[in-house]
């Protein structure tokens, strides 16, 4: 699987984008996810019953939030969550945790304190 973002020409809006290819590099499926905000994915992880991905979702206010997706093996969305915090947030990695959930890590940037690391732990339903 390959994760990233895809920008629509009609509205200049970016959506999270996942494509699945076979060993020969041929396209199996591709799907976009998201809302009216701009979403991007930076990491993908093999999970129970599919895959999870992490990135960011940003609105017109220039603030952005950690963004989490859970999809099944065919790309069908199972769960989508945004984790709000002030400033610009980006999740760059995701791994499974010992409590059957996931750990997302990335950065947070505010005018007051500059750029710092951010780590959150979520359960399999996306809650804390």
Protein backbone atom coordinates (compact mmCIF):
# COMPACT_ATOMS: atom_id res chain seq x y z
CA UNK A 1 0.00 0.00 0.00
CA UNK A 2 1.04 3.56 -0.66
CA UNK A 3 -0.37 6.45 1.37
CA UNK A 4 -0.31 10.18 0.68
CA UNK A 5 -2.68 12.84 -0.59
CA UNK A 6 -4.45 13.66 -3.83
CA UNK A 7 -5.56 17.16 -4.81
CA UNK A 8 -8.81 17.71 -6.67
CA UNK A 9 -8.50 20.01 -9.67
CA UNK A 10 -12.12 21.16 -9.34
CA UNK A 11 -11.86 22.56 -5.79
CA UNK A 12 -8.09 22.49 -5.00
CA UNK A 13 -8.89 20.36 -1.93
CA UNK A 14 -6.51 17.59 -0.82
CA UNK A 15 -7.84 14.26 0.42
CA UNK A 16 -6.03 11.36 2.04
CA UNK A 17 -5.18 8.80 -0.66
CA UNK A 18 -4.31 5.13 -0.41
CA UNK A 19 -3.44 2.93 -3.37
CA UNK A 20 -2.91 -0.81 -3.35
CA UNK A 21 -0.60 -2.41 -5.90
CA UNK A 22 0.46 -6.01 -6.50
CA UNK A 23 4.06 -7.30 -6.62
CA UNK A 24 4.35 -6.28 -10.27
CA UNK A 25 3.29 -2.72 -9.41
CA UNK A 26 -0.14 -2.98 -11.05
CA UNK A 27 -2.98 -1.05 -9.46
CA UNK A 28 -5.42 -3.19 -7.43
CA UNK A 29 -7.52 -0.34 -5.98
CA UNK A 30 -7.27 3.29 -4.95
CA UNK A 31 -9.47 5.33 -2.67
CA UNK A 32 -9.54 8.84 -1.25
CA UNK A 33 -10.76 9.72 2.24
CA UNK A 34 -11.56 12.97 3.95
CA UNK A 35 -13.88 15.92 4.25
CA UNK A 36 -13.94 19.55 3.18
CA UNK A 37 -10.65 19.98 5.06
CA UNK A 38 -7.29 19.06 3.52
CA UNK A 39 -6.12 15.58 4.61
CA UNK A 40 -2.73 13.93 4.06
CA UNK A 41 -1.33 10.57 5.14
CA UNK A 42 2.31 9.97 6.09
CA UNK A 43 2.29 6.45 7.58
CA UNK A 44 0.45 3.16 7.19
CA UNK A 45 0.53 0.07 9.40
CA UNK A 46 -0.82 -3.48 9.03
CA UNK A 47 -3.56 -3.92 11.62
CA UNK A 48 -6.16 -6.50 12.60
CA UNK A 49 -8.74 -6.73 9.82
CA UNK A 50 -6.93 -4.32 7.50
CA UNK A 51 -4.72 -1.29 7.85
CA UNK A 52 -4.44 1.92 9.86
CA UNK A 53 -2.94 5.16 8.63
CA UNK A 54 -1.88 8.45 10.22
CA UNK A 55 -1.36 11.97 8.95
CA UNK A 56 -2.95 15.38 9.34
CA UNK A 57 -6.15 17.21 8.58
CA UNK A 58 -6.12 20.98 8.21
CA UNK A 59 -8.90 23.52 7.91
CA UNK A 60 -8.85 26.99 6.42
CA UNK A 61 -7.66 28.40 9.77
CA UNK A 62 -4.18 26.91 9.08
CA UNK A 63 -4.45 24.79 12.22
CA UNK A 64 -4.07 21.07 11.60
CA UNK A 65 -4.80 17.97 13.64
CA UNK A 66 -3.59 14.39 13.90
CA UNK A 67 -5.64 12.31 11.46
CA UNK A 68 -6.31 8.56 11.82
CA UNK A 69 -7.94 6.04 9.46
CA UNK A 70 -8.76 2.36 9.78
CA UNK A 71 -9.61 0.56 6.52
CA UNK A 72 -10.27 -3.07 5.64
CA UNK A 73 -8.23 -5.05 3.11
CA UNK A 74 -10.29 -3.68 0.19
CA UNK A 75 -9.95 -0.02 1.25
CA UNK A 76 -13.40 0.33 2.79
CA UNK A 77 -13.35 2.90 5.58
CA UNK A 78 -13.94 1.41 9.04
CA UNK A 79 -13.04 4.40 11.23
CA UNK A 80 -11.90 7.99 10.73
CA UNK A 81 -10.86 10.32 13.57
CA UNK A 82 -9.28 13.74 14.01
CA UNK A 83 -7.47 14.60 17.25
CA UNK A 84 -7.67 18.32 17.86
CA UNK A 85 -5.09 20.41 19.62
CA UNK A 86 -4.10 24.05 19.10
CA UNK A 87 -1.50 24.81 16.46
CA UNK A 88 -0.26 22.73 13.56
CA UNK A 89 -0.22 18.98 14.23
CA UNK A 90 1.13 16.24 11.96
CA UNK A 91 1.29 12.51 12.71
CA UNK A 92 4.29 11.01 10.91
CA UNK A 93 4.22 7.47 12.29
CA UNK A 94 1.85 4.84 13.67
CA UNK A 95 2.54 1.52 15.38
CA UNK A 96 0.49 -1.07 17.23
CA UNK A 97 0.56 -0.99 21.01
CA UNK A 98 0.44 -3.73 23.63
CA UNK A 99 -3.13 -2.77 24.63
CA UNK A 100 -4.60 -3.62 21.18
CA UNK A 101 -4.54 0.01 20.13
CA UNK A 102 -2.12 2.30 18.34
CA UNK A 103 0.49 4.93 19.08
CA UNK A 104 0.70 7.95 16.78
CA UNK A 105 3.71 10.24 16.91
CA UNK A 106 4.52 13.45 15.14
CA UNK A 107 4.95 17.14 15.73
CA UNK A 108 3.05 20.12 17.05
CA UNK A 109 3.91 23.70 16.15
CA UNK A 110 2.60 26.82 17.89
CA UNK A 111 3.59 30.47 17.76
CA UNK A 112 4.35 30.41 21.50
CA UNK A 113 6.59 27.37 21.83
CA UNK A 114 7.87 26.51 18.34
CA UNK A 115 7.91 22.89 17.21
CA UNK A 116 7.69 20.01 19.68
CA UNK A 117 7.03 16.29 19.53
CA UNK A 118 3.56 14.90 20.15
CA UNK A 119 2.62 11.30 20.96
CA UNK A 120 -0.87 9.94 21.56
CA UNK A 121 -2.05 6.46 22.44
CA UNK A 122 -5.49 5.36 21.24
CA UNK A 123 -7.54 2.20 21.59
CA UNK A 124 -8.81 0.16 18.63
CA UNK A 125 -11.99 2.30 18.47
CA UNK A 126 -9.93 5.50 18.22
CA UNK A 127 -10.57 6.67 21.79
CA UNK A 128 -8.03 7.58 24.46
